[in-house]
């Protein structure tokens, strides 16, 4: 199931790489798309929405509304 997260502190490609790497470290078969312009992270993974949010936060980013 794909989830979308608004991550307002995404600044550029380095942020996108860091978020993607953090998610793939925990969930190696996840499909991750980070749109730098809209600051939306779309993740399709077996992991729960809660654990994906924790992965993004562990990379040092905040999630809008969380």
C-alpha atoms as a PDB file:
ATOM      1  CA  UNK A   1       0.000   0.000   0.000  1.00  0.00           C
ATOM      2  CA  UNK A   2       1.415   3.379  -0.999  1.00  0.00           C
ATOM      3  CA  UNK A   3       1.402   6.239   1.471  1.00  0.00           C
ATOM      4  CA  UNK A   4       2.216   9.886   0.909  1.00  0.00           C
ATOM      5  CA  UNK A   5       3.938  12.072   3.473  1.00  0.00           C
ATOM      6  CA  UNK A   6       4.405  15.846   3.333  1.00  0.00           C
ATOM      7  CA  UNK A   7       7.979  16.580   4.465  1.00  0.00           C
ATOM      8  CA  UNK A   8       8.370  20.385   4.526  1.00  0.00           C
ATOM      9  CA  UNK A   9      12.114  20.412   5.285  1.00  0.00           C
ATOM     10  CA  UNK A  10      13.157  18.743   1.998  1.00  0.00           C
ATOM     11  CA  UNK A  11      15.618  21.195   0.452  1.00  0.00           C
ATOM     12  CA  UNK A  12      16.972  19.323  -2.573  1.00  0.00           C
ATOM     13  CA  UNK A  13      18.322  16.109  -4.032  1.00  0.00           C
ATOM     14  CA  UNK A  14      20.605  15.399  -1.061  1.00  0.00           C
ATOM     15  CA  UNK A  15      17.561  15.372   1.238  1.00  0.00           C
ATOM     16  CA  UNK A  16      15.748  13.056  -1.168  1.00  0.00           C
ATOM     17  CA  UNK A  17      18.719  10.656  -1.207  1.00  0.00           C
ATOM     18  CA  UNK A  18      18.993  10.674   2.586  1.00  0.00           C
ATOM     19  CA  UNK A  19      15.272   9.912   3.069  1.00  0.00           C
ATOM     20  CA  UNK A  20      15.333   7.197   0.399  1.00  0.00           C
ATOM     21  CA  UNK A  21      18.420   5.575   1.910  1.00  0.00           C
ATOM     22  CA  UNK A  22      16.885   5.618   5.395  1.00  0.00           C
ATOM     23  CA  UNK A  23      13.743   3.849   4.185  1.00  0.00           C
ATOM     24  CA  UNK A  24      15.595   1.328   2.010  1.00  0.00           C
ATOM     25  CA  UNK A  25      17.928   0.431   4.886  1.00  0.00           C
ATOM     26  CA  UNK A  26      14.937  -0.822   6.883  1.00  0.00           C
ATOM     27  CA  UNK A  27      12.695  -1.908   3.997  1.00  0.00           C
ATOM     28  CA  UNK A  28      14.942  -2.984   1.115  1.00  0.00           C
ATOM     29  CA  UNK A  29      12.137  -3.793  -1.347  1.00  0.00           C
ATOM     30  CA  UNK A  30      10.223  -0.521  -0.816  1.00  0.00           C
ATOM     31  CA  UNK A  31       9.469   1.753  -3.744  1.00  0.00           C
ATOM     32  CA  UNK A  32      10.338   5.324  -2.703  1.00  0.00           C
ATOM     33  CA  UNK A  33       9.656   8.488  -4.685  1.00  0.00           C
ATOM     34  CA  UNK A  34      10.675  11.883  -3.298  1.00  0.00           C
ATOM     35  CA  UNK A  35       9.315  14.917  -5.130  1.00  0.00           C
ATOM     36  CA  UNK A  36      11.614  17.781  -4.134  1.00  0.00           C
ATOM     37  CA  UNK A  37       9.308  20.441  -5.627  1.00  0.00           C
ATOM     38  CA  UNK A  38       6.110  19.397  -3.812  1.00  0.00           C
ATOM     39  CA  UNK A  39       7.988  18.008  -0.772  1.00  0.00           C
ATOM     40  CA  UNK A  40       5.938  14.802  -0.986  1.00  0.00           C
ATOM     41  CA  UNK A  41       7.457  11.409  -0.184  1.00  0.00           C
ATOM     42  CA  UNK A  42       5.544   8.474  -1.660  1.00  0.00           C
ATOM     43  CA  UNK A  43       6.397   5.054  -0.259  1.00  0.00           C
ATOM     44  CA  UNK A  44       5.022   1.688  -1.362  1.00  0.00           C
ATOM     45  CA  UNK A  45       6.182  -0.902   1.160  1.00  0.00           C
ATOM     46  CA  UNK A  46       5.069  -3.748   3.362  1.00  0.00           C
ATOM     47  CA  UNK A  47       6.023  -1.740   6.456  1.00  0.00           C
ATOM     48  CA  UNK A  48       3.326   0.072   8.409  1.00  0.00           C
ATOM     49  CA  UNK A  49       2.710   3.791   7.920  1.00  0.00           C
ATOM     50  CA  UNK A  50       3.913   4.373  11.475  1.00  0.00           C
ATOM     51  CA  UNK A  51       7.260   2.641  10.899  1.00  0.00           C
ATOM     52  CA  UNK A  52       7.801   4.513   7.619  1.00  0.00           C
ATOM     53  CA  UNK A  53       7.176   7.802   9.433  1.00  0.00           C
ATOM     54  CA  UNK A  54       9.736   6.773  12.057  1.00  0.00           C
ATOM     55  CA  UNK A  55      12.266   5.986   9.305  1.00  0.00           C
ATOM     56  CA  UNK A  56      11.813   9.477   7.801  1.00  0.00           C
ATOM     57  CA  UNK A  57      12.186  11.052  11.233  1.00  0.00           C
ATOM     58  CA  UNK A  58      15.311   9.000  11.972  1.00  0.00           C
ATOM     59  CA  UNK A  59      16.829  10.544   8.817  1.00  0.00           C
ATOM     60  CA  UNK A  60      16.346  13.926  10.516  1.00  0.00           C
ATOM     61  CA  UNK A  61      13.162  15.181   8.853  1.00  0.00           C
ATOM     62  CA  UNK A  62       9.793  16.275  10.165  1.00  0.00           C
ATOM     63  CA  UNK A  63       6.473  15.148   8.714  1.00  0.00           C
ATOM     64  CA  UNK A  64       3.660  17.654   8.432  1.00  0.00           C
ATOM     65  CA  UNK A  65       0.854  16.821  10.843  1.00  0.00           C
ATOM     66  CA  UNK A  66       2.850  14.172  12.707  1.00  0.00           C
END
